[in-house]
PDB file of all heavy atoms in Angstrom:
ATOM      1  N   SER A   1       0.806  -1.223  -0.010  1.00  0.00           N
ATOM      2  CA  SER A   1      -0.049  -0.029  -0.001  1.00  0.00           C
ATOM      3  C   SER A   1       0.869   1.259   0.051  1.00  0.00           C
ATOM      4  O   SER A   1       0.354   2.384  -0.224  1.00  0.00           O
ATOM      5  CB  SER A   1      -0.898   0.064   1.225  1.00  0.00           C
ATOM      6  OG  SER A   1      -0.222   0.079   2.439  1.00  0.00           O
ATOM      7  N   GLU A   2       2.110   1.106   0.280  1.00  0.00           N
ATOM      8  CA  GLU A   2       3.070   2.285   0.249  1.00  0.00           C
ATOM      9  C   GLU A   2       3.359   2.760  -1.110  1.00  0.00           C
ATOM     10  O   GLU A   2       3.473   1.970  -2.063  1.00  0.00           O
ATOM     11  CB  GLU A   2       4.307   1.928   1.054  1.00  0.00           C
ATOM     12  CG  GLU A   2       4.217   1.593   2.434  1.00  0.00           C
ATOM     13  CD  GLU A   2       5.491   0.981   3.082  1.00  0.00           C
ATOM     14  OE1 GLU A   2       6.480   0.989   2.384  1.00  0.00           O
ATOM     15  OE2 GLU A   2       5.474   0.632   4.248  1.00  0.00           O
ATOM     16  N   GLN A   3       3.455   4.060  -1.263  1.00  0.00           N
ATOM     17  CA  GLN A   3       3.595   4.660  -2.603  1.00  0.00           C
ATOM     18  C   GLN A   3       4.867   5.451  -2.558  1.00  0.00           C
ATOM     19  O   GLN A   3       5.213   5.861  -1.493  1.00  0.00           O
ATOM     20  CB  GLN A   3       2.384   5.463  -3.033  1.00  0.00           C
ATOM     21  CG  GLN A   3       1.126   4.646  -3.154  1.00  0.00           C
ATOM     22  CD  GLN A   3       0.040   5.498  -3.776  1.00  0.00           C
ATOM     23  OE1 GLN A   3       0.168   6.183  -4.726  1.00  0.00           O
ATOM     24  NE2 GLN A   3      -1.155   5.379  -3.143  1.00  0.00           N
ATOM     25  N   PRO A   4       5.560   5.679  -3.765  1.00  0.00           N
ATOM     26  CA  PRO A   4       5.201   5.098  -4.984  1.00  0.00           C
ATOM     27  C   PRO A   4       5.608   3.619  -5.088  1.00  0.00           C
ATOM     28  O   PRO A   4       6.507   3.141  -4.293  1.00  0.00           O
ATOM     29  CB  PRO A   4       6.103   5.876  -5.984  1.00  0.00           C
ATOM     30  CG  PRO A   4       7.251   6.310  -5.138  1.00  0.00           C
ATOM     31  CD  PRO A   4       6.732   6.511  -3.714  1.00  0.00           C
ATOM     32  N   LEU A   5       4.909   2.841  -6.004  1.00  0.00           N
ATOM     33  CA  LEU A   5       5.190   1.411  -6.055  1.00  0.00           C
ATOM     34  C   LEU A   5       5.785   1.094  -7.381  1.00  0.00           C
ATOM     35  O   LEU A   5       5.200   0.514  -8.369  1.00  0.00           O
ATOM     36  CB  LEU A   5       3.839   0.646  -5.928  1.00  0.00           C
ATOM     37  CG  LEU A   5       3.955  -0.881  -5.745  1.00  0.00           C
ATOM     38  CD1 LEU A   5       4.680  -1.127  -4.454  1.00  0.00           C
ATOM     39  CD2 LEU A   5       2.620  -1.526  -5.748  1.00  0.00           C
ATOM     40  N   SER A   6       7.088   1.592  -7.642  1.00  0.00           N
ATOM     41  CA  SER A   6       7.739   1.242  -8.846  1.00  0.00           C
ATOM     42  C   SER A   6       8.292  -0.157  -8.749  1.00  0.00           C
ATOM     43  O   SER A   6       8.354  -0.774  -7.667  1.00  0.00           O
ATOM     44  CB  SER A   6       8.995   2.200  -9.040  1.00  0.00           C
ATOM     45  OG  SER A   6       9.905   1.972  -8.093  1.00  0.00           O
ATOM     46  N   THR A   7       8.637  -0.689  -9.936  1.00  0.00           N
ATOM     47  CA  THR A   7       9.104  -2.141 -10.012  1.00  0.00           C
ATOM     48  C   THR A   7      10.337  -2.234  -9.085  1.00  0.00           C
ATOM     49  O   THR A   7      10.566  -3.185  -8.363  1.00  0.00           O
ATOM     50  CB  THR A   7       9.538  -2.457 -11.474  1.00  0.00           C
ATOM     51  OG1 THR A   7       8.253  -2.408 -12.262  1.00  0.00           O
ATOM     52  CG2 THR A   7      10.079  -3.819 -11.497  1.00  0.00           C
ATOM     53  N   ALA A   8      11.276  -1.275  -9.228  1.00  0.00           N
ATOM     54  CA  ALA A   8      12.559  -1.278  -8.532  1.00  0.00           C
ATOM     55  C   ALA A   8      12.308  -1.320  -7.022  1.00  0.00           C
ATOM     56  O   ALA A   8      12.861  -2.102  -6.177  1.00  0.00           O
ATOM     57  CB  ALA A   8      13.452  -0.139  -8.902  1.00  0.00           C
ATOM     58  N   ASN A   9      11.472  -0.294  -6.506  1.00  0.00           N
ATOM     59  CA  ASN A   9      11.371  -0.238  -5.024  1.00  0.00           C
ATOM     60  C   ASN A   9      10.476  -1.387  -4.498  1.00  0.00           C
ATOM     61  O   ASN A   9      10.663  -1.792  -3.283  1.00  0.00           O
ATOM     62  CB  ASN A   9      10.919   1.060  -4.532  1.00  0.00           C
ATOM     63  CG  ASN A   9       9.464   1.420  -5.013  1.00  0.00           C
ATOM     64  OD1 ASN A   9       8.554   0.567  -5.090  1.00  0.00           O
ATOM     65  ND2 ASN A   9       9.137   2.674  -5.228  1.00  0.00           N
ATOM     66  N   LEU A  10       9.585  -1.965  -5.299  1.00  0.00           N
ATOM     67  CA  LEU A  10       8.865  -3.147  -4.873  1.00  0.00           C
ATOM     68  C   LEU A  10       9.787  -4.323  -4.593  1.00  0.00           C
ATOM     69  O   LEU A  10       9.711  -4.968  -3.624  1.00  0.00           O
ATOM     70  CB  LEU A  10       7.822  -3.542  -5.926  1.00  0.00           C
ATOM     71  CG  LEU A  10       6.981  -4.789  -5.506  1.00  0.00           C
ATOM     72  CD1 LEU A  10       6.274  -4.669  -4.142  1.00  0.00           C
ATOM     73  CD2 LEU A  10       5.971  -5.006  -6.663  1.00  0.00           C
ATOM     74  N   ILE A  11      10.633  -4.615  -5.584  1.00  0.00           N
ATOM     75  CA  ILE A  11      11.577  -5.705  -5.409  1.00  0.00           C
ATOM     76  C   ILE A  11      12.479  -5.397  -4.200  1.00  0.00           C
ATOM     77  O   ILE A  11      12.791  -6.378  -3.458  1.00  0.00           O
ATOM     78  CB  ILE A  11      12.469  -5.862  -6.666  1.00  0.00           C
ATOM     79  CG1 ILE A  11      11.636  -6.263  -7.881  1.00  0.00           C
ATOM     80  CG2 ILE A  11      13.608  -6.814  -6.419  1.00  0.00           C
ATOM     81  CD1 ILE A  11      11.046  -7.667  -7.801  1.00  0.00           C
ATOM     82  N   SER A  12      12.888  -4.316  -4.005  1.00  0.00           N
ATOM     83  CA  SER A  12      13.682  -3.949  -2.809  1.00  0.00           C
ATOM     84  C   SER A  12      12.995  -4.200  -1.489  1.00  0.00           C
ATOM     85  O   SER A  12      13.512  -4.796  -0.572  1.00  0.00           O
ATOM     86  CB  SER A  12      14.211  -2.454  -2.880  1.00  0.00           C
ATOM     87  OG  SER A  12      14.882  -2.146  -1.795  1.00  0.00           O
ATOM     88  N   ARG A  13      11.725  -3.835  -1.481  1.00  0.00           N
ATOM     89  CA  ARG A  13      10.907  -4.037  -0.234  1.00  0.00           C
ATOM     90  C   ARG A  13      10.708  -5.508   0.022  1.00  0.00           C
ATOM     91  O   ARG A  13      10.573  -5.917   1.291  1.00  0.00           O
ATOM     92  CB  ARG A  13       9.566  -3.310  -0.299  1.00  0.00           C
ATOM     93  CG  ARG A  13       9.596  -1.831  -0.508  1.00  0.00           C
ATOM     94  CD  ARG A  13       8.247  -1.227  -0.742  1.00  0.00           C
ATOM     95  NE  ARG A  13       8.263   0.135  -1.177  1.00  0.00           N
ATOM     96  CZ  ARG A  13       7.139   0.753  -1.541  1.00  0.00           C
ATOM     97  NH1 ARG A  13       6.013   0.189  -1.644  1.00  0.00           N
ATOM     98  NH2 ARG A  13       7.285   2.026  -1.892  1.00  0.00           N
ATOM     99  N   LEU A  14      10.535  -6.252  -0.929  1.00  0.00           N
ATOM    100  CA  LEU A  14      10.167  -7.740  -0.807  1.00  0.00           C
ATOM    101  C   LEU A  14      11.326  -8.565  -0.177  1.00  0.00           C
ATOM    102  O   LEU A  14      11.091  -9.656   0.233  1.00  0.00           O
ATOM    103  CB  LEU A  14       9.810  -8.274  -2.119  1.00  0.00           C
ATOM    104  CG  LEU A  14       8.361  -7.795  -2.620  1.00  0.00           C
ATOM    105  CD1 LEU A  14       8.092  -8.356  -4.089  1.00  0.00           C
ATOM    106  CD2 LEU A  14       7.282  -8.311  -1.712  1.00  0.00           C
ATOM    107  N   ARG A  15      12.477  -8.008  -0.279  1.00  0.00           N
ATOM    108  CA  ARG A  15      13.688  -8.812   0.200  1.00  0.00           C
ATOM    109  C   ARG A  15      13.594  -9.191   1.681  1.00  0.00           C
ATOM    110  O   ARG A  15      14.192 -10.177   2.123  1.00  0.00           O
ATOM    111  CB  ARG A  15      15.053  -7.940  -0.058  1.00  0.00           C
ATOM    112  CG  ARG A  15      15.357  -7.878  -1.490  1.00  0.00           C
ATOM    113  CD  ARG A  15      16.551  -6.976  -1.747  1.00  0.00           C
ATOM    114  NE  ARG A  15      16.877  -6.855  -3.153  1.00  0.00           N
ATOM    115  CZ  ARG A  15      17.579  -5.866  -3.713  1.00  0.00           C
ATOM    116  NH1 ARG A  15      18.030  -4.916  -2.935  1.00  0.00           N
ATOM    117  NH2 ARG A  15      17.801  -5.806  -5.009  1.00  0.00           N
ATOM    118  N   SER A  16      12.916  -8.376   2.424  1.00  0.00           N
ATOM    119  CA  SER A  16      12.681  -8.689   3.859  1.00  0.00           C
ATOM    120  C   SER A  16      11.502  -9.665   4.140  1.00  0.00           C
ATOM    121  O   SER A  16      11.234  -9.957   5.346  1.00  0.00           O
ATOM    122  CB  SER A  16      12.605  -7.382   4.669  1.00  0.00           C
ATOM    123  OG  SER A  16      11.350  -6.730   4.247  1.00  0.00           O
ATOM    124  N   CYS A  17      10.811 -10.008   3.209  1.00  0.00           N
ATOM    125  CA  CYS A  17       9.509 -10.788   3.318  1.00  0.00           C
ATOM    126  C   CYS A  17       9.760 -12.254   2.912  1.00  0.00           C
ATOM    127  O   CYS A  17      10.658 -12.533   2.145  1.00  0.00           O
ATOM    128  CB  CYS A  17       8.382 -10.201   2.477  1.00  0.00           C
ATOM    129  SG  CYS A  17       8.033  -8.484   2.862  1.00  0.00           S
ATOM    130  N   ASP A  18       8.988 -13.108   3.499  1.00  0.00           N
ATOM    131  CA  ASP A  18       9.069 -14.522   3.098  1.00  0.00           C
ATOM    132  C   ASP A  18       8.283 -14.802   1.895  1.00  0.00           C
ATOM    133  O   ASP A  18       7.217 -15.501   1.980  1.00  0.00           O
ATOM    134  CB  ASP A  18       8.592 -15.408   4.397  1.00  0.00           C
ATOM    135  CG  ASP A  18       8.822 -16.824   4.184  1.00  0.00           C
ATOM    136  OD1 ASP A  18       9.780 -17.238   3.360  1.00  0.00           O
ATOM    137  OD2 ASP A  18       8.174 -17.708   4.917  1.00  0.00           O
ATOM    138  N   VAL A  19       8.766 -14.451   0.777  1.00  0.00           N
ATOM    139  CA  VAL A  19       8.068 -14.621  -0.451  1.00  0.00           C
ATOM    140  C   VAL A  19       9.094 -14.967  -1.553  1.00  0.00           C
ATOM    141  O   VAL A  19      10.303 -14.823  -1.367  1.00  0.00           O
ATOM    142  CB  VAL A  19       7.418 -13.372  -0.975  1.00  0.00           C
ATOM    143  CG1 VAL A  19       6.302 -12.957   0.041  1.00  0.00           C
ATOM    144  CG2 VAL A  19       8.316 -12.151  -1.147  1.00  0.00           C
ATOM    145  N   THR A  20       8.640 -15.446  -2.775  1.00  0.00           N
ATOM    146  CA  THR A  20       9.424 -15.688  -3.911  1.00  0.00           C
ATOM    147  C   THR A  20       8.882 -14.816  -5.031  1.00  0.00           C
ATOM    148  O   THR A  20       7.674 -14.891  -5.357  1.00  0.00           O
ATOM    149  CB  THR A  20       9.341 -17.199  -4.379  1.00  0.00           C
ATOM    150  OG1 THR A  20       9.816 -18.035  -3.275  1.00  0.00           O
ATOM    151  CG2 THR A  20      10.197 -17.397  -5.580  1.00  0.00           C
ATOM    152  N   ALA A  21       9.651 -13.925  -5.526  1.00  0.00           N
ATOM    153  CA  ALA A  21       9.223 -13.039  -6.553  1.00  0.00           C
ATOM    154  C   ALA A  21       9.714 -13.357  -7.907  1.00  0.00           C
ATOM    155  O   ALA A  21      10.930 -13.683  -8.027  1.00  0.00           O
ATOM    156  CB  ALA A  21       9.624 -11.591  -6.196  1.00  0.00           C
ATOM    157  N   VAL A  22       8.900 -13.410  -8.878  1.00  0.00           N
ATOM    158  CA  VAL A  22       9.278 -13.644 -10.210  1.00  0.00           C
ATOM    159  C   VAL A  22       9.003 -12.505 -11.135  1.00  0.00           C
ATOM    160  O   VAL A  22       7.821 -11.951 -11.227  1.00  0.00           O
ATOM    161  CB  VAL A  22       8.513 -14.837 -10.851  1.00  0.00           C
ATOM    162  CG1 VAL A  22       8.920 -15.100 -12.263  1.00  0.00           C
ATOM    163  CG2 VAL A  22       8.648 -16.093  -9.987  1.00  0.00           C
ATOM    164  N   GLY A  23      10.077 -11.849 -11.580  1.00  0.00           N
ATOM    165  CA  GLY A  23       9.887 -10.663 -12.420  1.00  0.00           C
ATOM    166  C   GLY A  23      11.005  -9.658 -12.019  1.00  0.00           C
ATOM    167  O   GLY A  23      11.926 -10.006 -11.200  1.00  0.00           O
ATOM    168  N   PRO A  24      10.958  -8.433 -12.582  1.00  0.00           N
ATOM    169  CA  PRO A  24       9.800  -7.985 -13.479  1.00  0.00           C
ATOM    170  C   PRO A  24       9.877  -8.697 -14.803  1.00  0.00           C
ATOM    171  O   PRO A  24      10.938  -9.049 -15.288  1.00  0.00           O
ATOM    172  CB  PRO A  24      10.152  -6.629 -13.632  1.00  0.00           C
ATOM    173  CG  PRO A  24      11.635  -6.449 -13.465  1.00  0.00           C
ATOM    174  CD  PRO A  24      11.880  -7.380 -12.357  1.00  0.00           C
ATOM    175  N   ALA A  25       8.741  -8.934 -15.373  1.00  0.00           N
ATOM    176  CA  ALA A  25       8.554  -9.629 -16.630  1.00  0.00           C
ATOM    177  C   ALA A  25       7.856  -8.616 -17.592  1.00  0.00           C
ATOM    178  O   ALA A  25       7.014  -7.836 -17.157  1.00  0.00           O
ATOM    179  CB  ALA A  25       7.644 -10.867 -16.564  1.00  0.00           C
ATOM    180  N   LEU A  26       8.384  -8.486 -18.759  1.00  0.00           N
ATOM    181  CA  LEU A  26       7.839  -7.563 -19.829  1.00  0.00           C
ATOM    182  C   LEU A  26       6.846  -8.157 -20.606  1.00  0.00           C
ATOM    183  O   LEU A  26       7.003  -9.275 -21.203  1.00  0.00           O
ATOM    184  CB  LEU A  26       8.981  -6.935 -20.597  1.00  0.00           C
ATOM    185  CG  LEU A  26      10.207  -6.410 -19.878  1.00  0.00           C
ATOM    186  CD1 LEU A  26      11.245  -5.810 -20.942  1.00  0.00           C
ATOM    187  CD2 LEU A  26       9.761  -5.314 -18.888  1.00  0.00           C
ATOM    188  N   LEU A  27       5.716  -7.529 -20.832  1.00  0.00           N
ATOM    189  CA  LEU A  27       4.553  -7.999 -21.646  1.00  0.00           C
ATOM    190  C   LEU A  27       4.486  -7.068 -22.920  1.00  0.00           C
ATOM    191  O   LEU A  27       4.363  -5.951 -22.773  1.00  0.00           O
ATOM    192  CB  LEU A  27       3.261  -7.824 -20.886  1.00  0.00           C
ATOM    193  CG  LEU A  27       3.012  -8.877 -19.840  1.00  0.00           C
ATOM    194  CD1 LEU A  27       1.949  -8.432 -18.797  1.00  0.00           C
ATOM    195  CD2 LEU A  27       2.583 -10.256 -20.447  1.00  0.00           C
ATOM    196  N   SER A  28       4.634  -7.689 -24.107  1.00  0.00           N
ATOM    197  CA  SER A  28       4.640  -7.064 -25.317  1.00  0.00           C
ATOM    198  C   SER A  28       3.744  -7.668 -26.293  1.00  0.00           C
ATOM    199  O   SER A  28       3.393  -8.798 -26.189  1.00  0.00           O
ATOM    200  CB  SER A  28       6.084  -7.051 -25.928  1.00  0.00           C
ATOM    201  OG  SER A  28       7.048  -6.535 -24.991  1.00  0.00           O
ATOM    202  N   TYR A  29       3.177  -6.813 -27.206  1.00  0.00           N
ATOM    203  CA  TYR A  29       2.128  -7.307 -28.214  1.00  0.00           C
ATOM    204  C   TYR A  29       2.503  -6.811 -29.517  1.00  0.00           C
ATOM    205  O   TYR A  29       3.214  -5.809 -29.784  1.00  0.00           O
ATOM    206  CB  TYR A  29       0.774  -6.700 -27.767  1.00  0.00           C
ATOM    207  CG  TYR A  29       0.376  -7.201 -26.411  1.00  0.00           C
ATOM    208  CD1 TYR A  29       0.714  -6.513 -25.262  1.00  0.00           C
ATOM    209  CD2 TYR A  29      -0.362  -8.451 -26.338  1.00  0.00           C
ATOM    210  CE1 TYR A  29       0.357  -6.973 -23.988  1.00  0.00           C
ATOM    211  CE2 TYR A  29      -0.780  -8.864 -25.098  1.00  0.00           C
ATOM    212  CZ  TYR A  29      -0.414  -8.254 -23.944  1.00  0.00           C
ATOM    213  OH  TYR A  29      -0.754  -8.651 -22.777  1.00  0.00           O
ATOM    214  N   LEU A  30       2.043  -7.542 -30.489  1.00  0.00           N
ATOM    215  CA  LEU A  30       2.404  -7.280 -31.855  1.00  0.00           C
ATOM    216  C   LEU A  30       1.186  -6.864 -32.673  1.00  0.00           C
ATOM    217  O   LEU A  30       0.139  -7.635 -32.805  1.00  0.00           O
ATOM    218  CB  LEU A  30       2.895  -8.496 -32.581  1.00  0.00           C
ATOM    219  CG  LEU A  30       3.484  -8.393 -33.964  1.00  0.00           C
ATOM    220  CD1 LEU A  30       4.713  -7.440 -33.979  1.00  0.00           C
ATOM    221  CD2 LEU A  30       3.892  -9.776 -34.568  1.00  0.00           C
TER     222      LEU A  30
END
């Protein structure tokens, strides 16, 4: 819920949690 929630700061915050993070993954379309 903390802002801003950029990809970089989210990954940094998750390091202290008991989780497994996959990403960031880029979604592209043709």
